[in-house]
Amino acid sequence: MASSSLHALAGGSVRTATLLGLVIILLCVLAPAPAVAVDGCNLTAGFVQVDLPEGNFVVQSPYDVPENQRYSYDVATGVRTFWVYADDKPFTTVTLTNPRAEVRLSGHDYSSGIWQFEGYGYVPSGTSGTGAAVEDGIYDRWFRLNVVHDVGASTVAVYVDGAPKLAANVTPSASHYFKFGVYVQHHDVSPRVESRWRNVAVYTKPY
């Protein structure tokens, strides 16, 4: 695979999902690693925020239903809501991947430097079967998720509400990008899987 998606939860493809797999999906094999060095009080200190116009938010949802039946965006509140059902189709007819409703952040694929995803997520109770949780008590509240990817060091660090929750080595890839939303896993799946996101931002820091 030529690229990896840091999808919230984030590419061969072991999908180790942070926060019930609702955000950064790593299209790579994860292993324990030292945390990426950042300022714990201000995780974006020293980073530069990149421009994310609405055209960069590319929705991927089941191919056989209209997009607005699996995704909504409330312009007034800035909240993006994603939901899929356990028996939904993949997002294209040429893939056998599991059901998903996601945004792929386009226009900022990268192959070097240190990159960071930040967003506020909400997982309603009753959602399950989307991955491995790295945070207890995540349901029915807004939380802040930061994912820091150091390409040169091949490390990813995950923070919830500013606290470190996961550090991992990642397999190098030619390019990377961020995604967020919901992606159904293979077991313990609730009939409906949902997450909500707002204030999504991407930051970068050159070496």
C-alpha atoms as a PDB file:
ATOM      1  CA  MET A   1       0.000   0.000   0.000  1.00  0.00           C
ATOM      2  CA  ALA A   2       1.485   3.305  -1.079  1.00  0.00           C
ATOM      3  CA  SER A   3       0.006   5.429   1.642  1.00  0.00           C
ATOM      4  CA  SER A   4      -1.125   5.145   5.206  1.00  0.00           C
ATOM      5  CA  SER A   5      -4.072   6.825   6.822  1.00  0.00           C
ATOM      6  CA  LEU A   6      -3.826   8.096  10.339  1.00  0.00           C
ATOM      7  CA  HIS A   7      -7.528   7.709  10.799  1.00  0.00           C
ATOM      8  CA  ALA A   8      -8.717   7.935  14.033  1.00  0.00           C
ATOM      9  CA  LEU A   9      -8.436   6.594  15.124  1.00  0.00           C
ATOM     10  CA  ALA A  10      -6.825   6.269  13.306  1.00  0.00           C
ATOM     11  CA  GLY A  11      -2.624   1.809   7.436  1.00  0.00           C
ATOM     12  CA  GLY A  12      -0.848  -4.409   5.780  1.00  0.00           C
ATOM     13  CA  SER A  13      -3.303  -3.544   7.314  1.00  0.00           C
ATOM     14  CA  VAL A  14      -3.797  -3.823  10.992  1.00  0.00           C
ATOM     15  CA  ARG A  15      -6.370  -1.175  11.924  1.00  0.00           C
ATOM     16  CA  THR A  16      -5.453  -0.262  15.471  1.00  0.00           C
ATOM     17  CA  ALA A  17      -8.150   2.221  16.313  1.00  0.00           C
ATOM     18  CA  THR A  18      -7.869   4.845  18.947  1.00  0.00           C
ATOM     19  CA  LEU A  19     -10.999   5.677  20.862  1.00  0.00           C
ATOM     20  CA  LEU A  20     -13.097   2.783  19.620  1.00  0.00           C
ATOM     21  CA  GLY A  21     -11.590   3.120  16.198  1.00  0.00           C
ATOM     22  CA  LEU A  22     -13.541   6.252  15.574  1.00  0.00           C
ATOM     23  CA  VAL A  23     -10.589   8.382  14.754  1.00  0.00           C
ATOM     24  CA  ILE A  24      -7.086   7.609  13.747  1.00  0.00           C
ATOM     25  CA  ILE A  25      -6.799   4.339  11.829  1.00  0.00           C
ATOM     26  CA  LEU A  26      -3.188   3.397  11.316  1.00  0.00           C
ATOM     27  CA  LEU A  27      -2.639   1.498   8.096  1.00  0.00           C
ATOM     28  CA  CYS A  28       0.460  -0.059   9.537  1.00  0.00           C
ATOM     29  CA  VAL A  29       1.579  -2.442  12.263  1.00  0.00           C
ATOM     30  CA  LEU A  30       1.839  -0.859  15.684  1.00  0.00           C
ATOM     31  CA  ALA A  31       4.313  -1.730  18.430  1.00  0.00           C
ATOM     32  CA  PRO A  32       5.137  -0.052  21.770  1.00  0.00           C
ATOM     33  CA  ALA A  33       7.339   2.991  21.377  1.00  0.00           C
ATOM     34  CA  PRO A  34       8.476   6.070  23.287  1.00  0.00           C
ATOM     35  CA  ALA A  35       6.039   8.960  23.121  1.00  0.00           C
ATOM     36  CA  VAL A  36       6.661  11.721  20.619  1.00  0.00           C
ATOM     37  CA  ALA A  37       8.083  14.686  22.489  1.00  0.00           C
ATOM     38  CA  VAL A  38       5.526  17.491  22.719  1.00  0.00           C
ATOM     39  CA  ASP A  39       4.508  20.056  25.293  1.00  0.00           C
ATOM     40  CA  GLY A  40       1.849  18.279  27.366  1.00  0.00           C
ATOM     41  CA  CYS A  41       0.168  21.550  28.326  1.00  0.00           C
ATOM     42  CA  ASN A  42      -0.047  22.816  24.745  1.00  0.00           C
ATOM     43  CA  LEU A  43       0.223  19.951  22.293  1.00  0.00           C
ATOM     44  CA  THR A  44       0.230  22.237  19.263  1.00  0.00           C
ATOM     45  CA  ALA A  45       3.019  24.535  20.535  1.00  0.00           C
ATOM     46  CA  GLY A  46       5.663  24.910  17.830  1.00  0.00           C
ATOM     47  CA  PHE A  47       3.344  23.571  15.120  1.00  0.00           C
ATOM     48  CA  VAL A  48       1.807  25.527  12.259  1.00  0.00           C
ATOM     49  CA  GLN A  49      -1.871  24.999  11.478  1.00  0.00           C
ATOM     50  CA  VAL A  50      -2.581  24.130   7.847  1.00  0.00           C
ATOM     51  CA  ASP A  51      -5.526  25.496   5.902  1.00  0.00           C
ATOM     52  CA  LEU A  52      -8.494  23.114   5.688  1.00  0.00           C
ATOM     53  CA  PRO A  53     -11.232  24.519   3.442  1.00  0.00           C
ATOM     54  CA  GLU A  54     -14.443  22.519   3.218  1.00  0.00           C
ATOM     55  CA  GLY A  55     -13.303  20.992  -0.071  1.00  0.00           C
ATOM     56  CA  ASN A  56     -10.578  19.098   1.833  1.00  0.00           C
ATOM     57  CA  PHE A  57     -13.217  17.142   3.806  1.00  0.00           C
ATOM     58  CA  VAL A  58     -13.894  14.227   1.446  1.00  0.00           C
ATOM     59  CA  VAL A  59     -16.625  11.884   2.691  1.00  0.00           C
ATOM     60  CA  GLN A  60     -16.386   8.107   2.225  1.00  0.00           C
ATOM     61  CA  SER A  61     -19.613   6.217   2.980  1.00  0.00           C
ATOM     62  CA  PRO A  62     -21.478   3.085   1.788  1.00  0.00           C
ATOM     63  CA  TYR A  63     -21.724   3.184  -1.995  1.00  0.00           C
ATOM     64  CA  ASP A  64     -25.352   2.076  -2.226  1.00  0.00           C
ATOM     65  CA  VAL A  65     -26.990   4.835  -0.159  1.00  0.00           C
ATOM     66  CA  PRO A  66     -26.902   8.636  -0.489  1.00  0.00           C
ATOM     67  CA  GLU A  67     -24.151  10.321   1.498  1.00  0.00           C
ATOM     68  CA  ASN A  68     -26.684  12.232   3.618  1.00  0.00           C
ATOM     69  CA  GLN A  69     -28.021   8.937   4.961  1.00  0.00           C
ATOM     70  CA  ARG A  70     -24.686   8.231   6.698  1.00  0.00           C
ATOM     71  CA  TYR A  71     -23.176  11.693   7.233  1.00  0.00           C
ATOM     72  CA  SER A  72     -24.366  15.147   8.202  1.00  0.00           C
ATOM     73  CA  TYR A  73     -22.660  18.481   8.740  1.00  0.00           C
ATOM     74  CA  ASP A  74     -24.338  21.170  10.821  1.00  0.00           C
ATOM     75  CA  VAL A  75     -22.834  24.435   9.612  1.00  0.00           C
ATOM     76  CA  ALA A  76     -24.251  26.359  12.567  1.00  0.00           C
ATOM     77  CA  THR A  77     -22.545  24.183  15.215  1.00  0.00           C
ATOM     78  CA  GLY A  78     -19.664  22.817  13.137  1.00  0.00           C
ATOM     79  CA  VAL A  79     -20.567  19.268  14.185  1.00  0.00           C
ATOM     80  CA  ARG A  80     -20.044  16.438  11.703  1.00  0.00           C
ATOM     81  CA  THR A  81     -22.012  13.268  12.490  1.00  0.00           C
ATOM     82  CA  PHE A  82     -21.093   9.867  11.048  1.00  0.00           C
ATOM     83  CA  TRP A  83     -23.089   6.657  11.358  1.00  0.00           C
ATOM     84  CA  VAL A  84     -23.159   3.247   9.718  1.00  0.00           C
ATOM     85  CA  TYR A  85     -25.006  -0.008  10.265  1.00  0.00           C
ATOM     86  CA  ALA A  86     -23.351  -3.378  10.793  1.00  0.00           C
ATOM     87  CA  ASP A  87     -24.656  -4.755   7.485  1.00  0.00           C
ATOM     88  CA  ASP A  88     -23.794  -1.708   5.343  1.00  0.00           C
ATOM     89  CA  LYS A  89     -21.836  -2.052   2.115  1.00  0.00           C
ATOM     90  CA  PRO A  90     -18.210  -0.841   1.655  1.00  0.00           C
ATOM     91  CA  PHE A  91     -17.570   2.661   0.353  1.00  0.00           C
ATOM     92  CA  THR A  92     -16.852   1.431  -3.210  1.00  0.00           C
ATOM     93  CA  THR A  93     -17.823  -1.575  -5.291  1.00  0.00           C
ATOM     94  CA  VAL A  94     -14.180  -2.618  -5.757  1.00  0.00           C
ATOM     95  CA  THR A  95     -13.245  -3.092  -2.107  1.00  0.00           C
ATOM     96  CA  LEU A  96     -14.167  -5.693   0.496  1.00  0.00           C
ATOM     97  CA  THR A  97     -13.484  -3.411   3.464  1.00  0.00           C
ATOM     98  CA  ASN A  98     -15.962  -3.102   6.311  1.00  0.00           C
ATOM     99  CA  PRO A  99     -18.685  -0.443   6.520  1.00  0.00           C
ATOM    100  CA  ARG A 100     -17.438   3.073   7.120  1.00  0.00           C
ATOM    101  CA  ALA A 101     -18.542   6.684   7.205  1.00  0.00           C
ATOM    102  CA  GLU A 102     -15.434   8.829   7.285  1.00  0.00           C
ATOM    103  CA  VAL A 103     -13.848  12.041   6.152  1.00  0.00           C
ATOM    104  CA  ARG A 104     -10.536  11.705   4.378  1.00  0.00           C
ATOM    105  CA  LEU A 105      -8.624  14.962   4.749  1.00  0.00           C
ATOM    106  CA  SER A 106      -7.339  15.607   1.235  1.00  0.00           C
ATOM    107  CA  GLY A 107      -4.834  18.136   0.018  1.00  0.00           C
ATOM    108  CA  HIS A 108      -2.343  17.522   2.800  1.00  0.00           C
ATOM    109  CA  ASP A 109      -0.797  14.109   2.171  1.00  0.00           C
ATOM    110  CA  TYR A 110       2.706  14.130   3.602  1.00  0.00           C
ATOM    111  CA  SER A 111       5.919  12.106   3.571  1.00  0.00           C
ATOM    112  CA  SER A 112       8.193  13.955   6.008  1.00  0.00           C
ATOM    113  CA  GLY A 113       8.127  16.146   9.096  1.00  0.00           C
ATOM    114  CA  ILE A 114       5.941  15.936  12.185  1.00  0.00           C
ATOM    115  CA  TRP A 115       2.182  16.158  11.692  1.00  0.00           C
ATOM    116  CA  GLN A 116      -0.650  16.429  14.162  1.00  0.00           C
ATOM    117  CA  PHE A 117      -4.401  15.802  14.035  1.00  0.00           C
ATOM    118  CA  GLU A 118      -6.598  17.549  16.564  1.00  0.00           C
ATOM    119  CA  GLY A 119     -10.351  17.232  16.935  1.00  0.00           C
ATOM    120  CA  TYR A 120     -13.140  17.072  19.458  1.00  0.00           C
ATOM    121  CA  GLY A 121     -15.075  13.813  19.348  1.00  0.00           C
ATOM    122  CA  TYR A 122     -18.253  12.421  20.871  1.00  0.00           C
ATOM    123  CA  VAL A 123     -19.274   8.750  20.997  1.00  0.00           C
ATOM    124  CA  PRO A 124     -22.886   8.074  22.022  1.00  0.00           C
ATOM    125  CA  SER A 125     -23.468   5.146  24.362  1.00  0.00           C
ATOM    126  CA  GLY A 126     -24.545   1.989  22.559  1.00  0.00           C
ATOM    127  CA  THR A 127     -21.799   2.236  19.945  1.00  0.00           C
ATOM    128  CA  SER A 128     -19.447  -0.756  19.936  1.00  0.00           C
ATOM    129  CA  GLY A 129     -17.512  -2.977  17.567  1.00  0.00           C
ATOM    130  CA  THR A 130     -15.327  -0.298  16.042  1.00  0.00           C
ATOM    131  CA  GLY A 131     -11.941  -1.139  17.472  1.00  0.00           C
ATOM    132  CA  ALA A 132      -9.810  -1.164  20.605  1.00  0.00           C
ATOM    133  CA  ALA A 133     -10.425   1.578  23.131  1.00  0.00           C
ATOM    134  CA  VAL A 134      -7.503   3.456  24.632  1.00  0.00           C
ATOM    135  CA  GLU A 135      -9.648   5.534  26.969  1.00  0.00           C
ATOM    136  CA  ASP A 136     -12.194   4.528  29.599  1.00  0.00           C
ATOM    137  CA  GLY A 137     -15.341   6.584  30.116  1.00  0.00           C
ATOM    138  CA  ILE A 138     -15.343   7.965  26.599  1.00  0.00           C
ATOM    139  CA  TYR A 139     -19.088   7.729  25.994  1.00  0.00           C
ATOM    140  CA  ASP A 140     -21.601  10.582  26.016  1.00  0.00           C
ATOM    141  CA  ARG A 141     -19.085  13.397  26.426  1.00  0.00           C
ATOM    142  CA  TRP A 142     -16.926  15.571  24.232  1.00  0.00           C
ATOM    143  CA  PHE A 143     -13.211  14.749  24.377  1.00  0.00           C
ATOM    144  CA  ARG A 144     -10.177  16.298  22.679  1.00  0.00           C
ATOM    145  CA  LEU A 145      -8.064  13.952  20.586  1.00  0.00           C
ATOM    146  CA  ASN A 146      -4.533  14.743  19.429  1.00  0.00           C
ATOM    147  CA  VAL A 147      -2.480  12.378  17.291  1.00  0.00           C
ATOM    148  CA  VAL A 148       1.157  13.279  16.621  1.00  0.00           C
ATOM    149  CA  HIS A 149       2.962  11.466  13.791  1.00  0.00           C
ATOM    150  CA  ASP A 150       6.742  11.855  13.506  1.00  0.00           C
ATOM    151  CA  VAL A 151       7.483  10.519  10.029  1.00  0.00           C
ATOM    152  CA  GLY A 152      11.263  10.419  10.419  1.00  0.00           C
ATOM    153  CA  ALA A 153      11.113   8.572  13.728  1.00  0.00           C
ATOM    154  CA  SER A 154       8.223   6.330  12.534  1.00  0.00           C
ATOM    155  CA  THR A 155       6.282   7.012  15.749  1.00  0.00           C
ATOM    156  CA  VAL A 156       2.724   7.979  16.587  1.00  0.00           C
ATOM    157  CA  ALA A 157       1.506   9.318  19.945  1.00  0.00           C
ATOM    158  CA  VAL A 158      -2.149   9.626  20.949  1.00  0.00           C
ATOM    159  CA  TYR A 159      -3.453  12.049  23.573  1.00  0.00           C
ATOM    160  CA  VAL A 160      -6.960  12.328  25.039  1.00  0.00           C
ATOM    161  CA  ASP A 161      -7.814  15.614  26.732  1.00  0.00           C
ATOM    162  CA  GLY A 162      -4.086  16.378  26.794  1.00  0.00           C
ATOM    163  CA  ALA A 163      -3.072  13.155  28.553  1.00  0.00           C
ATOM    164  CA  PRO A 164      -0.848  10.581  26.756  1.00  0.00           C
ATOM    165  CA  LYS A 165      -2.765   7.372  26.012  1.00  0.00           C
ATOM    166  CA  LEU A 166      -0.822   5.468  23.353  1.00  0.00           C
ATOM    167  CA  ALA A 167       2.657   5.514  21.802  1.00  0.00           C
ATOM    168  CA  ALA A 168       3.524   3.258  18.895  1.00  0.00           C
ATOM    169  CA  ASN A 169       6.023   2.561  16.152  1.00  0.00           C
ATOM    170  CA  VAL A 170       4.554   2.622  12.658  1.00  0.00           C
ATOM    171  CA  THR A 171       5.764   0.973   9.483  1.00  0.00           C
ATOM    172  CA  PRO A 172       7.181   3.606   7.106  1.00  0.00           C
ATOM    173  CA  SER A 173       5.125   4.381   4.009  1.00  0.00           C
ATOM    174  CA  ALA A 174       5.522   6.561   0.929  1.00  0.00           C
ATOM    175  CA  SER A 175       2.831   8.993   2.058  1.00  0.00           C
ATOM    176  CA  HIS A 176       0.337   9.522   4.850  1.00  0.00           C
ATOM    177  CA  TYR A 177      -2.935  11.318   5.521  1.00  0.00           C
ATOM    178  CA  PHE A 178      -5.549  11.729   8.257  1.00  0.00           C
ATOM    179  CA  LYS A 179      -9.110  10.417   8.402  1.00  0.00           C
ATOM    180  CA  PHE A 180     -11.825  10.530  11.036  1.00  0.00           C
ATOM    181  CA  GLY A 181     -15.285   9.035  11.406  1.00  0.00           C
ATOM    182  CA  VAL A 182     -16.484   5.479  12.018  1.00  0.00           C
ATOM    183  CA  TYR A 183     -15.167   2.169  10.664  1.00  0.00           C
ATOM    184  CA  VAL A 184     -16.803  -1.111  11.697  1.00  0.00           C
ATOM    185  CA  GLN A 185     -14.556  -3.918  12.986  1.00  0.00           C
ATOM    186  CA  HIS A 186     -15.178  -7.678  12.841  1.00  0.00           C
ATOM    187  CA  HIS A 187     -16.617  -8.450  16.276  1.00  0.00           C
ATOM    188  CA  ASP A 188     -19.009  -7.176  18.968  1.00  0.00           C
ATOM    189  CA  VAL A 189     -20.591  -4.741  16.547  1.00  0.00           C
ATOM    190  CA  SER A 190     -23.620  -2.736  17.630  1.00  0.00           C
ATOM    191  CA  PRO A 191     -26.421  -2.452  15.038  1.00  0.00           C
ATOM    192  CA  ARG A 192     -25.622   1.257  14.588  1.00  0.00           C
ATOM    193  CA  VAL A 193     -22.154   2.784  15.005  1.00  0.00           C
ATOM    194  CA  GLU A 194     -21.886   6.545  15.435  1.00  0.00           C
ATOM    195  CA  SER A 195     -19.461   9.337  16.265  1.00  0.00           C
ATOM    196  CA  ARG A 196     -19.542  13.127  16.080  1.00  0.00           C
ATOM    197  CA  TRP A 197     -16.671  15.531  15.434  1.00  0.00           C
ATOM    198  CA  ARG A 198     -16.025  19.264  15.560  1.00  0.00           C
ATOM    199  CA  ASN A 199     -13.110  21.711  15.465  1.00  0.00           C
ATOM    200  CA  VAL A 200     -10.938  19.365  13.420  1.00  0.00           C
ATOM    201  CA  ALA A 201      -7.513  20.806  12.622  1.00  0.00           C
ATOM    202  CA  VAL A 202      -4.211  19.602  11.205  1.00  0.00           C
ATOM    203  CA  TYR A 203      -0.813  20.982  12.188  1.00  0.00           C
ATOM    204  CA  THR A 204       2.706  20.424  10.921  1.00  0.00           C
ATOM    205  CA  LYS A 205       6.248  21.025  12.083  1.00  0.00           C
ATOM    206  CA  PRO A 206       9.223  20.642   9.731  1.00  0.00           C
ATOM    207  CA  TYR A 207      12.429  19.157  11.055  1.00  0.00           C
END
